[in-house]
Amino acid sequence: MFAPVLAALQAAFVWLLPKVAVFFGIFALSNAVIRPIFDFLKAQVLAQLGSASAQFSQFFQILGIYDALNIVFSAYLLALSIKSVKSSAT
């Protein structure tokens, strides 16, 4: 009675397991390689902005330039992660 169900589950598991392993492998690899690069670039940009005078620094903080840079770098990192995961799914 349960033989067809077990056979279907086994076939689904055999088909799905390699895809899940590739997905997590590519996500972990791209996250481990790309994140330090973007953190370094973000630190360099913020260091360049931080070397400005105190008035410019306060002006940048009031305008939210620092938050905007964090959002842009995080969004770009997320987009690259999603793109790498999509490429692993095919």
N, C-alpha and C. Protein backbone atom coordinates (compact mmCIF):
# COMPACT_ATOMS: atom_id res chain seq x y z
N MET A 1 0.82 -1.19 0.00
CA MET A 1 0.00 0.00 0.00
C MET A 1 0.87 1.26 0.00
N PHE A 2 1.91 1.24 0.79
CA PHE A 2 2.76 2.42 0.88
C PHE A 2 3.95 2.36 -0.08
N ALA A 3 4.08 1.31 -0.81
CA ALA A 3 5.23 1.16 -1.71
C ALA A 3 5.28 2.25 -2.78
N PRO A 4 4.16 2.59 -3.44
CA PRO A 4 4.25 3.66 -4.45
C PRO A 4 4.59 5.02 -3.83
N VAL A 5 4.07 5.28 -2.63
CA VAL A 5 4.35 6.55 -1.97
C VAL A 5 5.83 6.62 -1.58
N LEU A 6 6.36 5.54 -1.04
CA LEU A 6 7.76 5.51 -0.67
C LEU A 6 8.66 5.63 -1.89
N ALA A 7 8.28 4.99 -2.99
CA ALA A 7 9.06 5.09 -4.22
C ALA A 7 9.05 6.51 -4.76
N ALA A 8 7.89 7.17 -4.69
CA ALA A 8 7.80 8.56 -5.15
C ALA A 8 8.63 9.48 -4.26
N LEU A 9 8.57 9.27 -2.95
CA LEU A 9 9.37 10.09 -2.03
C LEU A 9 10.86 9.87 -2.25
N GLN A 10 11.25 8.64 -2.48
CA GLN A 10 12.66 8.35 -2.73
C GLN A 10 13.12 9.00 -4.04
N ALA A 11 12.31 8.94 -5.07
CA ALA A 11 12.68 9.57 -6.34
C ALA A 11 12.77 11.09 -6.19
N ALA A 12 11.84 11.68 -5.45
CA ALA A 12 11.89 13.12 -5.22
C ALA A 12 13.12 13.50 -4.41
N PHE A 13 13.45 12.70 -3.42
CA PHE A 13 14.62 12.97 -2.59
C PHE A 13 15.91 12.87 -3.40
N VAL A 14 16.00 11.85 -4.25
CA VAL A 14 17.19 11.67 -5.08
C VAL A 14 17.32 12.82 -6.08
N TRP A 15 16.21 13.34 -6.59
CA TRP A 15 16.24 14.44 -7.53
C TRP A 15 16.54 15.77 -6.83
N LEU A 16 16.01 15.95 -5.63
CA LEU A 16 16.09 17.23 -4.93
C LEU A 16 17.41 17.42 -4.16
N LEU A 17 17.97 16.35 -3.63
CA LEU A 17 19.16 16.48 -2.79
C LEU A 17 20.35 17.14 -3.50
N PRO A 18 20.71 16.78 -4.71
CA PRO A 18 21.83 17.46 -5.36
C PRO A 18 21.55 18.95 -5.61
N LYS A 19 20.32 19.29 -5.95
CA LYS A 19 19.98 20.69 -6.20
C LYS A 19 20.09 21.51 -4.93
N VAL A 20 19.67 20.96 -3.81
CA VAL A 20 19.76 21.67 -2.53
C VAL A 20 21.22 21.83 -2.12
N ALA A 21 22.01 20.79 -2.32
CA ALA A 21 23.43 20.85 -1.97
C ALA A 21 24.16 21.90 -2.81
N VAL A 22 23.87 21.96 -4.10
CA VAL A 22 24.48 22.95 -4.98
C VAL A 22 24.04 24.35 -4.57
N PHE A 23 22.76 24.50 -4.26
CA PHE A 23 22.23 25.80 -3.84
C PHE A 23 22.98 26.33 -2.62
N PHE A 24 23.07 25.52 -1.58
CA PHE A 24 23.75 25.98 -0.36
C PHE A 24 25.25 26.15 -0.56
N GLY A 25 25.84 25.31 -1.40
CA GLY A 25 27.27 25.44 -1.67
C GLY A 25 27.61 26.72 -2.39
N ILE A 26 26.86 27.05 -3.43
CA ILE A 26 27.12 28.28 -4.17
C ILE A 26 26.79 29.50 -3.33
N PHE A 27 25.72 29.44 -2.55
CA PHE A 27 25.38 30.57 -1.69
C PHE A 27 26.47 30.81 -0.65
N ALA A 28 26.95 29.76 -0.03
CA ALA A 28 27.99 29.91 0.99
C ALA A 28 29.29 30.40 0.37
N LEU A 29 29.64 29.88 -0.79
CA LEU A 29 30.87 30.30 -1.45
C LEU A 29 30.80 31.75 -1.89
N SER A 30 29.71 32.15 -2.51
CA SER A 30 29.60 33.54 -2.96
C SER A 30 29.52 34.48 -1.77
N ASN A 31 28.89 34.04 -0.71
CA ASN A 31 28.79 34.87 0.49
C ASN A 31 30.16 35.02 1.16
N ALA A 32 30.94 33.96 1.18
CA ALA A 32 32.25 34.00 1.83
C ALA A 32 33.27 34.77 1.01
N VAL A 33 33.09 34.82 -0.30
CA VAL A 33 34.06 35.50 -1.15
C VAL A 33 33.67 36.95 -1.41
N ILE A 34 32.41 37.20 -1.69
CA ILE A 34 31.98 38.53 -2.09
C ILE A 34 31.81 39.47 -0.90
N ARG A 35 31.32 38.97 0.21
CA ARG A 35 31.06 39.84 1.36
C ARG A 35 32.31 40.57 1.86
N PRO A 36 33.46 39.91 2.01
CA PRO A 36 34.66 40.66 2.45
C PRO A 36 35.08 41.73 1.45
N ILE A 37 34.89 41.47 0.17
CA ILE A 37 35.25 42.48 -0.84
C ILE A 37 34.37 43.71 -0.69
N PHE A 38 33.06 43.49 -0.53
CA PHE A 38 32.16 44.63 -0.37
C PHE A 38 32.37 45.33 0.96
N ASP A 39 32.68 44.60 1.99
CA ASP A 39 32.98 45.25 3.28
C ASP A 39 34.21 46.13 3.16
N PHE A 40 35.23 45.65 2.43
CA PHE A 40 36.43 46.45 2.23
C PHE A 40 36.12 47.71 1.42
N LEU A 41 35.35 47.56 0.33
CA LEU A 41 35.00 48.71 -0.48
C LEU A 41 34.17 49.72 0.30
N LYS A 42 33.22 49.22 1.09
CA LYS A 42 32.40 50.11 1.90
C LYS A 42 33.24 50.85 2.93
N ALA A 43 34.20 50.16 3.53
CA ALA A 43 35.07 50.80 4.50
C ALA A 43 35.93 51.87 3.84
N GLN A 44 36.38 51.60 2.61
CA GLN A 44 37.19 52.59 1.90
C GLN A 44 36.37 53.84 1.56
N VAL A 45 35.14 53.64 1.12
CA VAL A 45 34.29 54.79 0.79
C VAL A 45 33.97 55.59 2.04
N LEU A 46 33.63 54.89 3.12
CA LEU A 46 33.32 55.60 4.36
C LEU A 46 34.56 56.29 4.93
N ALA A 47 35.73 55.72 4.75
CA ALA A 47 36.96 56.37 5.21
C ALA A 47 37.23 57.64 4.41
N GLN A 48 36.95 57.58 3.11
CA GLN A 48 37.13 58.78 2.28
C GLN A 48 36.15 59.88 2.70
N LEU A 49 34.91 59.49 3.00
CA LEU A 49 33.94 60.48 3.46
C LEU A 49 34.27 60.96 4.87
N GLY A 50 34.84 60.09 5.69
CA GLY A 50 35.19 60.46 7.05
C GLY A 50 36.38 61.39 7.14
N SER A 51 37.18 61.44 6.08
CA SER A 51 38.34 62.33 6.09
C SER A 51 37.96 63.77 5.80
N ALA A 52 36.70 64.02 5.49
CA ALA A 52 36.24 65.39 5.25
C ALA A 52 36.18 66.12 6.59
N SER A 53 35.97 67.42 6.52
CA SER A 53 35.94 68.22 7.74
C SER A 53 34.73 67.83 8.59
N ALA A 54 34.70 68.30 9.82
CA ALA A 54 33.63 67.96 10.75
C ALA A 54 32.29 68.48 10.26
N GLN A 55 32.28 69.64 9.62
CA GLN A 55 31.02 70.20 9.12
C GLN A 55 30.46 69.33 8.00
N PHE A 56 31.32 68.90 7.08
CA PHE A 56 30.84 68.02 6.02
C PHE A 56 30.38 66.69 6.59
N SER A 57 31.08 66.19 7.57
CA SER A 57 30.70 64.92 8.18
C SER A 57 29.32 65.02 8.83
N GLN A 58 29.07 66.11 9.54
CA GLN A 58 27.75 66.31 10.14
C GLN A 58 26.69 66.48 9.06
N PHE A 59 27.04 67.19 7.99
CA PHE A 59 26.11 67.39 6.88
C PHE A 59 25.76 66.05 6.23
N PHE A 60 26.77 65.21 6.01
CA PHE A 60 26.54 63.89 5.45
C PHE A 60 25.66 63.04 6.37
N GLN A 61 25.88 63.18 7.66
CA GLN A 61 25.09 62.41 8.62
C GLN A 61 23.64 62.90 8.64
N ILE A 62 23.44 64.20 8.57
CA ILE A 62 22.08 64.73 8.55
C ILE A 62 21.35 64.30 7.29
N LEU A 63 22.04 64.33 6.16
CA LEU A 63 21.41 63.91 4.90
C LEU A 63 21.19 62.41 4.82
N GLY A 64 21.89 61.66 5.64
CA GLY A 64 21.75 60.21 5.62
C GLY A 64 22.62 59.54 4.57
N ILE A 65 23.72 60.18 4.21
CA ILE A 65 24.61 59.63 3.19
C ILE A 65 25.19 58.30 3.65
N TYR A 66 25.57 58.22 4.91
CA TYR A 66 26.16 56.99 5.43
C TYR A 66 25.16 55.84 5.39
N ASP A 67 23.92 56.12 5.77
CA ASP A 67 22.89 55.08 5.70
C ASP A 67 22.60 54.69 4.26
N ALA A 68 22.61 55.66 3.37
CA ALA A 68 22.36 55.36 1.96
C ALA A 68 23.47 54.48 1.39
N LEU A 69 24.72 54.75 1.76
CA LEU A 69 25.81 53.90 1.28
C LEU A 69 25.68 52.48 1.81
N ASN A 70 25.31 52.34 3.07
CA ASN A 70 25.11 51.00 3.61
C ASN A 70 23.99 50.27 2.88
N ILE A 71 22.91 50.97 2.57
CA ILE A 71 21.79 50.35 1.87
C ILE A 71 22.21 49.95 0.46
N VAL A 72 22.95 50.80 -0.23
CA VAL A 72 23.36 50.50 -1.60
C VAL A 72 24.29 49.28 -1.63
N PHE A 73 25.28 49.25 -0.74
CA PHE A 73 26.20 48.11 -0.72
C PHE A 73 25.48 46.82 -0.32
N SER A 74 24.57 46.91 0.63
CA SER A 74 23.82 45.71 1.05
C SER A 74 22.90 45.22 -0.06
N ALA A 75 22.26 46.15 -0.76
CA ALA A 75 21.37 45.74 -1.86
C ALA A 75 22.16 45.10 -2.99
N TYR A 76 23.32 45.65 -3.30
CA TYR A 76 24.13 45.08 -4.36
C TYR A 76 24.63 43.69 -3.98
N LEU A 77 25.01 43.52 -2.73
CA LEU A 77 25.44 42.21 -2.25
C LEU A 77 24.29 41.21 -2.29
N LEU A 78 23.11 41.64 -1.91
CA LEU A 78 21.94 40.76 -1.97
C LEU A 78 21.61 40.40 -3.41
N ALA A 79 21.69 41.36 -4.32
CA ALA A 79 21.42 41.07 -5.73
C ALA A 79 22.41 40.06 -6.29
N LEU A 80 23.68 40.19 -5.94
CA LEU A 80 24.66 39.22 -6.41
C LEU A 80 24.41 37.84 -5.80
N SER A 81 24.01 37.80 -4.54
CA SER A 81 23.72 36.51 -3.91
C SER A 81 22.52 35.84 -4.58
N ILE A 82 21.49 36.63 -4.85
CA ILE A 82 20.30 36.07 -5.51
C ILE A 82 20.65 35.60 -6.91
N LYS A 83 21.47 36.36 -7.62
CA LYS A 83 21.86 35.96 -8.97
C LYS A 83 22.66 34.67 -8.95
N SER A 84 23.54 34.51 -7.97
CA SER A 84 24.33 33.28 -7.91
C SER A 84 23.46 32.09 -7.54
N VAL A 85 22.49 32.31 -6.68
CA VAL A 85 21.58 31.22 -6.30
C VAL A 85 20.70 30.84 -7.48
N LYS A 86 20.24 31.82 -8.24
CA LYS A 86 19.42 31.51 -9.42
C LYS A 86 20.22 30.73 -10.44
N SER A 87 21.48 31.08 -10.60
CA SER A 87 22.30 30.36 -11.57
C SER A 87 22.57 28.92 -11.13
N SER A 88 22.58 28.71 -9.82
CA SER A 88 22.81 27.34 -9.34
C SER A 88 21.56 26.49 -9.47
N ALA A 89 20.40 27.11 -9.58
CA ALA A 89 19.16 26.34 -9.65
C ALA A 89 18.94 25.73 -11.02
N THR A 90 19.64 26.23 -12.04
CA THR A 90 19.40 25.69 -13.37
C THR A 90 20.28 24.52 -13.67
